Amino acid sequence: MKKRACFSFRPRPGDPEQQRAWEILQTVPEGKKTAFVAGAILRSREEEALEQTLRRVLREELRTVSIHSPAGEETVPGQMLDFLAGL
C-alpha cells in the first residue's frame, strides 16, 4: 500500500508574505486546495523558466545593439556638469 505524502503549512505570525499566502489559501474552496497549491507551484516554475529564457535572449540581442544619442540633441557642457557637481 502506497503512503500519500503529507504537507502542512503553518504561516509564521510575523511574516507578512506568509500571512498573505494564508489569506489567499483560505479563499480556496475545501477539496480544491491541493490542486490550487500544485498549480501555483507549477506556474511559479514555468514563470522562472520563462524569465531565464527572456533574460538570455535579451542579453544575446543587446550584444549586437549600439546605442547613440539622437541626432541634434545637445550634450551638457563640462563646465555646467562641474558646476552642478559642486552644489
PDB file of N, CA and C in Angstrom:
ATOM      1  N   MET A   1       0.837  -1.174   0.000  1.00  0.00           N
ATOM      2  CA  MET A   1       0.000   0.000   0.000  1.00  0.00           C
ATOM      3  C   MET A   1       0.889   1.248   0.000  1.00  0.00           C
ATOM      4  N   LYS A   2       0.635   2.137  -0.938  1.00  0.00           N
ATOM      5  CA  LYS A   2       1.417   3.366  -1.041  1.00  0.00           C
ATOM      6  C   LYS A   2       0.940   4.385  -0.015  1.00  0.00           C
ATOM      7  N   LYS A   3       1.893   5.070   0.559  1.00  0.00           N
ATOM      8  CA  LYS A   3       1.573   6.109   1.529  1.00  0.00           C
ATOM      9  C   LYS A   3       1.567   7.461   0.826  1.00  0.00           C
ATOM     10  N   ARG A   4       0.523   8.232   1.029  1.00  0.00           N
ATOM     11  CA  ARG A   4       0.437   9.577   0.433  1.00  0.00           C
ATOM     12  C   ARG A   4       1.348  10.532   1.170  1.00  0.00           C
ATOM     13  N   ALA A   5       1.986  11.400   0.407  1.00  0.00           N
ATOM     14  CA  ALA A   5       2.823  12.423   1.026  1.00  0.00           C
ATOM     15  C   ALA A   5       1.933  13.421   1.756  1.00  0.00           C
ATOM     16  N   CYS A   6       2.456  13.943   2.832  1.00  0.00           N
ATOM     17  CA  CYS A   6       1.693  14.908   3.611  1.00  0.00           C
ATOM     18  C   CYS A   6       2.508  16.195   3.727  1.00  0.00           C
ATOM     19  N   PHE A   7       1.807  17.305   3.610  1.00  0.00           N
ATOM     20  CA  PHE A   7       2.458  18.598   3.719  1.00  0.00           C
ATOM     21  C   PHE A   7       1.557  19.493   4.552  1.00  0.00           C
ATOM     22  N   SER A   8       2.137  20.196   5.489  1.00  0.00           N
ATOM     23  CA  SER A   8       1.334  21.151   6.261  1.00  0.00           C
ATOM     24  C   SER A   8       1.952  22.527   6.124  1.00  0.00           C
ATOM     25  N   PHE A   9       1.106  23.512   6.158  1.00  0.00           N
ATOM     26  CA  PHE A   9       1.540  24.901   6.013  1.00  0.00           C
ATOM     27  C   PHE A   9       1.102  25.649   7.254  1.00  0.00           C
ATOM     28  N   ARG A  10       2.067  26.108   8.023  1.00  0.00           N
ATOM     29  CA  ARG A  10       1.794  26.887   9.224  1.00  0.00           C
ATOM     30  C   ARG A  10       2.506  28.221   9.095  1.00  0.00           C
ATOM     31  N   PRO A  11       1.796  29.240   8.648  1.00  0.00           N
ATOM     32  CA  PRO A  11       2.450  30.544   8.458  1.00  0.00           C
ATOM     33  C   PRO A  11       2.907  31.133   9.779  1.00  0.00           C
ATOM     34  N   ARG A  12       4.090  31.742   9.729  1.00  0.00           N
ATOM     35  CA  ARG A  12       4.607  32.431  10.909  1.00  0.00           C
ATOM     36  C   ARG A  12       3.854  33.740  11.086  1.00  0.00           C
ATOM     37  N   PRO A  13       3.413  34.044  12.289  1.00  0.00           N
ATOM     38  CA  PRO A  13       2.647  35.271  12.538  1.00  0.00           C
ATOM     39  C   PRO A  13       3.372  36.556  12.142  1.00  0.00           C
ATOM     40  N   GLY A  14       4.695  36.607  12.248  1.00  0.00           N
ATOM     41  CA  GLY A  14       5.420  37.831  11.950  1.00  0.00           C
ATOM     42  C   GLY A  14       5.846  37.966  10.495  1.00  0.00           C
ATOM     43  N   ASP A  15       5.452  37.032   9.640  1.00  0.00           N
ATOM     44  CA  ASP A  15       5.883  37.063   8.239  1.00  0.00           C
ATOM     45  C   ASP A  15       4.715  37.506   7.356  1.00  0.00           C
ATOM     46  N   PRO A  16       4.730  38.763   6.880  1.00  0.00           N
ATOM     47  CA  PRO A  16       3.614  39.288   6.087  1.00  0.00           C
ATOM     48  C   PRO A  16       3.368  38.503   4.795  1.00  0.00           C
ATOM     49  N   GLU A  17       4.432  38.008   4.165  1.00  0.00           N
ATOM     50  CA  GLU A  17       4.258  37.246   2.929  1.00  0.00           C
ATOM     51  C   GLU A  17       3.526  35.936   3.195  1.00  0.00           C
ATOM     52  N   GLN A  18       3.896  35.254   4.260  1.00  0.00           N
ATOM     53  CA  GLN A  18       3.217  34.012   4.611  1.00  0.00           C
ATOM     54  C   GLN A  18       1.774  34.275   5.041  1.00  0.00           C
ATOM     55  N   GLN A  19       1.541  35.371   5.716  1.00  0.00           N
ATOM     56  CA  GLN A  19       0.178  35.711   6.121  1.00  0.00           C
ATOM     57  C   GLN A  19      -0.700  35.974   4.897  1.00  0.00           C
ATOM     58  N   ARG A  20      -0.144  36.693   3.901  1.00  0.00           N
ATOM     59  CA  ARG A  20      -0.893  36.947   2.659  1.00  0.00           C
ATOM     60  C   ARG A  20      -1.206  35.635   1.945  1.00  0.00           C
ATOM     61  N   ALA A  21      -0.203  34.738   1.903  1.00  0.00           N
ATOM     62  CA  ALA A  21      -0.419  33.431   1.261  1.00  0.00           C
ATOM     63  C   ALA A  21      -1.527  32.662   1.983  1.00  0.00           C
ATOM     64  N   TRP A  22      -1.530  32.718   3.299  1.00  0.00           N
ATOM     65  CA  TRP A  22      -2.544  32.021   4.082  1.00  0.00           C
ATOM     66  C   TRP A  22      -3.940  32.585   3.797  1.00  0.00           C
ATOM     67  N   GLU A  23      -4.016  33.911   3.730  1.00  0.00           N
ATOM     68  CA  GLU A  23      -5.309  34.543   3.438  1.00  0.00           C
ATOM     69  C   GLU A  23      -5.833  34.118   2.064  1.00  0.00           C
ATOM     70  N   ILE A  24      -4.946  34.050   1.089  1.00  0.00           N
ATOM     71  CA  ILE A  24      -5.357  33.623  -0.252  1.00  0.00           C
ATOM     72  C   ILE A  24      -5.807  32.169  -0.218  1.00  0.00           C
ATOM     73  N   LEU A  25      -5.050  31.326   0.464  1.00  0.00           N
ATOM     74  CA  LEU A  25      -5.387  29.907   0.546  1.00  0.00           C
ATOM     75  C   LEU A  25      -6.741  29.692   1.214  1.00  0.00           C
ATOM     76  N   GLN A  26      -7.087  30.556   2.157  1.00  0.00           N
ATOM     77  CA  GLN A  26      -8.370  30.413   2.847  1.00  0.00           C
ATOM     78  C   GLN A  26      -9.563  30.711   1.930  1.00  0.00           C
ATOM     79  N   THR A  27      -9.327  31.412   0.811  1.00  0.00           N
ATOM     80  CA  THR A  27     -10.421  31.703  -0.121  1.00  0.00           C
ATOM     81  C   THR A  27     -10.692  30.542  -1.078  1.00  0.00           C
ATOM     82  N   VAL A  28      -9.791  29.553  -1.106  1.00  0.00           N
ATOM     83  CA  VAL A  28      -9.957  28.396  -1.986  1.00  0.00           C
ATOM     84  C   VAL A  28     -10.935  27.424  -1.332  1.00  0.00           C
ATOM     85  N   PRO A  29     -11.918  26.938  -2.087  1.00  0.00           N
ATOM     86  CA  PRO A  29     -12.899  26.010  -1.508  1.00  0.00           C
ATOM     87  C   PRO A  29     -12.245  24.717  -1.009  1.00  0.00           C
ATOM     88  N   GLU A  30     -12.840  24.153   0.032  1.00  0.00           N
ATOM     89  CA  GLU A  30     -12.357  22.877   0.570  1.00  0.00           C
ATOM     90  C   GLU A  30     -12.398  21.832  -0.548  1.00  0.00           C
ATOM     91  N   GLY A  31     -11.419  20.974  -0.548  1.00  0.00           N
ATOM     92  CA  GLY A  31     -11.343  19.931  -1.563  1.00  0.00           C
ATOM     93  C   GLY A  31     -10.596  20.368  -2.816  1.00  0.00           C
ATOM     94  N   LYS A  32     -10.288  21.657  -2.921  1.00  0.00           N
ATOM     95  CA  LYS A  32      -9.582  22.154  -4.093  1.00  0.00           C
ATOM     96  C   LYS A  32      -8.235  22.784  -3.738  1.00  0.00           C
ATOM     97  N   LYS A  33      -7.902  22.767  -2.455  1.00  0.00           N
ATOM     98  CA  LYS A  33      -6.677  23.426  -2.001  1.00  0.00           C
ATOM     99  C   LYS A  33      -5.423  22.733  -2.532  1.00  0.00           C
ATOM    100  N   THR A  34      -5.420  21.404  -2.567  1.00  0.00           N
ATOM    101  CA  THR A  34      -4.254  20.681  -3.069  1.00  0.00           C
ATOM    102  C   THR A  34      -4.008  21.022  -4.529  1.00  0.00           C
ATOM    103  N   ALA A  35      -5.054  21.037  -5.339  1.00  0.00           N
ATOM    104  CA  ALA A  35      -4.921  21.379  -6.760  1.00  0.00           C
ATOM    105  C   ALA A  35      -4.462  22.822  -6.911  1.00  0.00           C
ATOM    106  N   PHE A  36      -4.956  23.718  -6.055  1.00  0.00           N
ATOM    107  CA  PHE A  36      -4.565  25.121  -6.107  1.00  0.00           C
ATOM    108  C   PHE A  36      -3.075  25.279  -5.819  1.00  0.00           C
ATOM    109  N   VAL A  37      -2.602  24.629  -4.753  1.00  0.00           N
ATOM    110  CA  VAL A  37      -1.189  24.727  -4.368  1.00  0.00           C
ATOM    111  C   VAL A  37      -0.310  24.106  -5.459  1.00  0.00           C
ATOM    112  N   ALA A  38      -0.700  22.949  -5.979  1.00  0.00           N
ATOM    113  CA  ALA A  38       0.076  22.303  -7.042  1.00  0.00           C
ATOM    114  C   ALA A  38       0.156  23.205  -8.270  1.00  0.00           C
ATOM    115  N   GLY A  39      -0.958  23.811  -8.658  1.00  0.00           N
ATOM    116  CA  GLY A  39      -0.971  24.718  -9.803  1.00  0.00           C
ATOM    117  C   GLY A  39      -0.093  25.932  -9.578  1.00  0.00           C
ATOM    118  N   ALA A  40      -0.128  26.473  -8.368  1.00  0.00           N
ATOM    119  CA  ALA A  40       0.689  27.649  -8.052  1.00  0.00           C
ATOM    120  C   ALA A  40       2.175  27.316  -8.134  1.00  0.00           C
ATOM    121  N   ILE A  41       2.563  26.150  -7.638  1.00  0.00           N
ATOM    122  CA  ILE A  41       3.968  25.737  -7.690  1.00  0.00           C
ATOM    123  C   ILE A  41       4.405  25.558  -9.139  1.00  0.00           C
ATOM    124  N   LEU A  42       3.585  24.883  -9.941  1.00  0.00           N
ATOM    125  CA  LEU A  42       3.945  24.644 -11.346  1.00  0.00           C
ATOM    126  C   LEU A  42       4.023  25.949 -12.134  1.00  0.00           C
ATOM    127  N   ARG A  43       3.077  26.854 -11.912  1.00  0.00           N
ATOM    128  CA  ARG A  43       3.115  28.150 -12.601  1.00  0.00           C
ATOM    129  C   ARG A  43       4.348  28.949 -12.201  1.00  0.00           C
ATOM    130  N   SER A  44       4.722  28.875 -10.938  1.00  0.00           N
ATOM    131  CA  SER A  44       5.907  29.579 -10.469  1.00  0.00           C
ATOM    132  C   SER A  44       7.149  29.073 -11.196  1.00  0.00           C
ATOM    133  N   ARG A  45       7.276  27.767 -11.338  1.00  0.00           N
ATOM    134  CA  ARG A  45       8.420  27.190 -12.054  1.00  0.00           C
ATOM    135  C   ARG A  45       8.411  27.600 -13.520  1.00  0.00           C
ATOM    136  N   GLU A  46       7.232  27.583 -14.145  1.00  0.00           N
ATOM    137  CA  GLU A  46       7.127  27.974 -15.548  1.00  0.00           C
ATOM    138  C   GLU A  46       7.530  29.438 -15.730  1.00  0.00           C
ATOM    139  N   GLU A  47       7.097  30.296 -14.814  1.00  0.00           N
ATOM    140  CA  GLU A  47       7.442  31.716 -14.889  1.00  0.00           C
ATOM    141  C   GLU A  47       8.947  31.920 -14.713  1.00  0.00           C
ATOM    142  N   GLU A  48       9.558  31.170 -13.797  1.00  0.00           N
ATOM    143  CA  GLU A  48      11.008  31.271 -13.603  1.00  0.00           C
ATOM    144  C   GLU A  48      11.749  30.868 -14.872  1.00  0.00           C
ATOM    145  N   ALA A  49      11.318  29.766 -15.501  1.00  0.00           N
ATOM    146  CA  ALA A  49      11.959  29.303 -16.734  1.00  0.00           C
ATOM    147  C   ALA A  49      11.777  30.330 -17.846  1.00  0.00           C
ATOM    148  N   LEU A  50      10.587  30.908 -17.947  1.00  0.00           N
ATOM    149  CA  LEU A  50      10.322  31.924 -18.960  1.00  0.00           C
ATOM    150  C   LEU A  50      11.188  33.159 -18.725  1.00  0.00           C
ATOM    151  N   GLU A  51      11.314  33.576 -17.468  1.00  0.00           N
ATOM    152  CA  GLU A  51      12.138  34.736 -17.145  1.00  0.00           C
ATOM    153  C   GLU A  51      13.596  34.487 -17.514  1.00  0.00           C
ATOM    154  N   GLN A  52      14.116  33.299 -17.213  1.00  0.00           N
ATOM    155  CA  GLN A  52      15.502  32.973 -17.562  1.00  0.00           C
ATOM    156  C   GLN A  52      15.700  32.986 -19.070  1.00  0.00           C
ATOM    157  N   THR A  53      14.746  32.435 -19.808  1.00  0.00           N
ATOM    158  CA  THR A  53      14.835  32.428 -21.267  1.00  0.00           C
ATOM    159  C   THR A  53      14.806  33.848 -21.804  1.00  0.00           C
ATOM    160  N   LEU A  54      13.906  34.664 -21.291  1.00  0.00           N
ATOM    161  CA  LEU A  54      13.794  36.047 -21.731  1.00  0.00           C
ATOM    162  C   LEU A  54      15.077  36.825 -21.446  1.00  0.00           C
ATOM    163  N   ARG A  55      15.651  36.644 -20.265  1.00  0.00           N
ATOM    164  CA  ARG A  55      16.902  37.321 -19.925  1.00  0.00           C
ATOM    165  C   ARG A  55      18.028  36.892 -20.872  1.00  0.00           C
ATOM    166  N   ARG A  56      18.105  35.588 -21.174  1.00  0.00           N
ATOM    167  CA  ARG A  56      19.143  35.089 -22.070  1.00  0.00           C
ATOM    168  C   ARG A  56      18.992  35.683 -23.461  1.00  0.00           C
ATOM    169  N   VAL A  57      17.761  35.713 -23.976  1.00  0.00           N
ATOM    170  CA  VAL A  57      17.506  36.265 -25.303  1.00  0.00           C
ATOM    171  C   VAL A  57      17.840  37.758 -25.337  1.00  0.00           C
ATOM    172  N   LEU A  58      17.430  38.498 -24.318  1.00  0.00           N
ATOM    173  CA  LEU A  58      17.717  39.928 -24.280  1.00  0.00           C
ATOM    174  C   LEU A  58      19.217  40.194 -24.215  1.00  0.00           C
ATOM    175  N   ARG A  59      19.942  39.408 -23.398  1.00  0.00           N
ATOM    176  CA  ARG A  59      21.396  39.576 -23.328  1.00  0.00           C
ATOM    177  C   ARG A  59      22.027  39.358 -24.700  1.00  0.00           C
ATOM    178  N   GLU A  60      21.597  38.283 -25.381  1.00  0.00           N
ATOM    179  CA  GLU A  60      22.143  37.985 -26.706  1.00  0.00           C
ATOM    180  C   GLU A  60      21.852  39.112 -27.692  1.00  0.00           C
ATOM    181  N   GLU A  61      20.643  39.631 -27.665  1.00  0.00           N
ATOM    182  CA  GLU A  61      20.263  40.691 -28.595  1.00  0.00           C
ATOM    183  C   GLU A  61      20.968  42.001 -28.277  1.00  0.00           C
ATOM    184  N   LEU A  62      21.135  42.303 -26.994  1.00  0.00           N
ATOM    185  CA  LEU A  62      21.778  43.559 -26.605  1.00  0.00           C
ATOM    186  C   LEU A  62      23.266  43.585 -26.949  1.00  0.00           C
ATOM    187  N   ARG A  63      23.866  42.420 -27.131  1.00  0.00           N
ATOM    188  CA  ARG A  63      25.276  42.378 -27.537  1.00  0.00           C
ATOM    189  C   ARG A  63      25.479  42.982 -28.916  1.00  0.00           C
ATOM    190  N   THR A  64      24.453  42.917 -29.761  1.00  0.00           N
ATOM    191  CA  THR A  64      24.590  43.387 -31.144  1.00  0.00           C
ATOM    192  C   THR A  64      24.062  44.798 -31.345  1.00  0.00           C
ATOM    193  N   VAL A  65      23.522  45.397 -30.287  1.00  0.00           N
ATOM    194  CA  VAL A  65      22.919  46.722 -30.405  1.00  0.00           C
ATOM    195  C   VAL A  65      23.905  47.783 -29.945  1.00  0.00           C
ATOM    196  N   SER A  66      23.984  48.868 -30.705  1.00  0.00           N
ATOM    197  CA  SER A  66      24.777  50.005 -30.239  1.00  0.00           C
ATOM    198  C   SER A  66      23.826  51.170 -30.026  1.00  0.00           C
ATOM    199  N   ILE A  67      24.018  51.876 -28.945  1.00  0.00           N
ATOM    200  CA  ILE A  67      23.113  52.967 -28.580  1.00  0.00           C
ATOM    201  C   ILE A  67      23.804  54.301 -28.825  1.00  0.00           C
ATOM    202  N   HIS A  68      23.135  55.169 -29.556  1.00  0.00           N
ATOM    203  CA  HIS A  68      23.653  56.501 -29.863  1.00  0.00           C
ATOM    204  C   HIS A  68      22.637  57.529 -29.400  1.00  0.00           C
ATOM    205  N   SER A  69      23.129  58.718 -29.038  1.00  0.00           N
ATOM    206  CA  SER A  69      22.194  59.782 -28.670  1.00  0.00           C
ATOM    207  C   SER A  69      21.511  60.274 -29.944  1.00  0.00           C
ATOM    208  N   PRO A  70      20.264  60.693 -29.832  1.00  0.00           N
ATOM    209  CA  PRO A  70      19.528  61.160 -31.005  1.00  0.00           C
ATOM    210  C   PRO A  70      20.239  62.328 -31.689  1.00  0.00           C
ATOM    211  N   ALA A  71      20.131  62.362 -33.010  1.00  0.00           N
ATOM    212  CA  ALA A  71      20.762  63.433 -33.783  1.00  0.00           C
ATOM    213  C   ALA A  71      20.169  64.774 -33.391  1.00  0.00           C
ATOM    214  N   GLY A  72      21.030  65.768 -33.295  1.00  0.00           N
ATOM    215  CA  GLY A  72      20.570  67.117 -32.984  1.00  0.00           C
ATOM    216  C   GLY A  72      20.407  67.386 -31.505  1.00  0.00           C
ATOM    217  N   GLU A  73      20.541  66.375 -30.678  1.00  0.00           N
ATOM    218  CA  GLU A  73      20.389  66.580 -29.241  1.00  0.00           C
ATOM    219  C   GLU A  73      21.696  67.138 -28.685  1.00  0.00           C
ATOM    220  N   GLU A  74      21.611  68.226 -27.950  1.00  0.00           N
ATOM    221  CA  GLU A  74      22.804  68.870 -27.410  1.00  0.00           C
ATOM    222  C   GLU A  74      23.315  68.116 -26.195  1.00  0.00           C
ATOM    223  N   THR A  75      24.620  68.085 -26.050  1.00  0.00           N
ATOM    224  CA  THR A  75      25.209  67.493 -24.858  1.00  0.00           C
ATOM    225  C   THR A  75      25.422  68.589 -23.825  1.00  0.00           C
ATOM    226  N   VAL A  76      25.512  68.193 -22.575  1.00  0.00           N
ATOM    227  CA  VAL A  76      25.706  69.157 -21.491  1.00  0.00           C
ATOM    228  C   VAL A  76      27.192  69.502 -21.420  1.00  0.00           C
ATOM    229  N   PRO A  77      27.540  70.794 -21.468  1.00  0.00           N
ATOM    230  CA  PRO A  77      28.950  71.201 -21.399  1.00  0.00           C
ATOM    231  C   PRO A  77      29.592  70.767 -20.086  1.00  0.00           C
ATOM    232  N   GLY A  78      30.885  70.450 -20.145  1.00  0.00           N
ATOM    233  CA  GLY A  78      31.628  70.012 -18.970  1.00  0.00           C
ATOM    234  C   GLY A  78      31.601  71.017 -17.843  1.00  0.00           C
ATOM    235  N   GLN A  79      31.664  72.326 -18.168  1.00  0.00           N
ATOM    236  CA  GLN A  79      31.648  73.355 -17.130  1.00  0.00           C
ATOM    237  C   GLN A  79      30.339  73.319 -16.346  1.00  0.00           C
ATOM    238  N   MET A  80      29.250  73.071 -17.047  1.00  0.00           N
ATOM    239  CA  MET A  80      27.952  73.021 -16.364  1.00  0.00           C
ATOM    240  C   MET A  80      27.908  71.806 -15.441  1.00  0.00           C
ATOM    241  N   LEU A  81      28.442  70.678 -15.898  1.00  0.00           N
ATOM    242  CA  LEU A  81      28.478  69.478 -15.049  1.00  0.00           C
ATOM    243  C   LEU A  81      29.335  69.723 -13.819  1.00  0.00           C
ATOM    244  N   ASP A  82      30.476  70.394 -13.993  1.00  0.00           N
ATOM    245  CA  ASP A  82      31.338  70.723 -12.853  1.00  0.00           C
ATOM    246  C   ASP A  82      30.613  71.616 -11.858  1.00  0.00           C
ATOM    247  N   PHE A  83      29.873  72.607 -12.385  1.00  0.00           N
ATOM    248  CA  PHE A  83      29.113  73.492 -11.516  1.00  0.00           C
ATOM    249  C   PHE A  83      28.072  72.727 -10.724  1.00  0.00           C
ATOM    250  N   LEU A  84      27.327  71.833 -11.408  1.00  0.00           N
ATOM    251  CA  LEU A  84      26.298  71.054 -10.739  1.00  0.00           C
ATOM    252  C   LEU A  84      26.886  70.102  -9.708  1.00  0.00           C
ATOM    253  N   ALA A  85      28.045  69.535 -10.038  1.00  0.00           N
ATOM    254  CA  ALA A  85      28.696  68.620  -9.103  1.00  0.00           C
ATOM    255  C   ALA A  85      29.140  69.355  -7.843  1.00  0.00           C
ATOM    256  N   GLY A  86      29.464  70.648  -7.975  1.00  0.00           N
ATOM    257  CA  GLY A  86      29.904  71.432  -6.839  1.00  0.00           C
ATOM    258  C   GLY A  86      28.783  71.844  -5.903  1.00  0.00           C
ATOM    259  N   LEU A  87      27.548  71.691  -6.317  1.00  0.00           N
ATOM    260  CA  LEU A  87      26.418  72.091  -5.477  1.00  0.00           C
ATOM    261  C   LEU A  87      26.216  71.149  -4.357  1.00  0.00           C
TER     262      LEU A  87
END
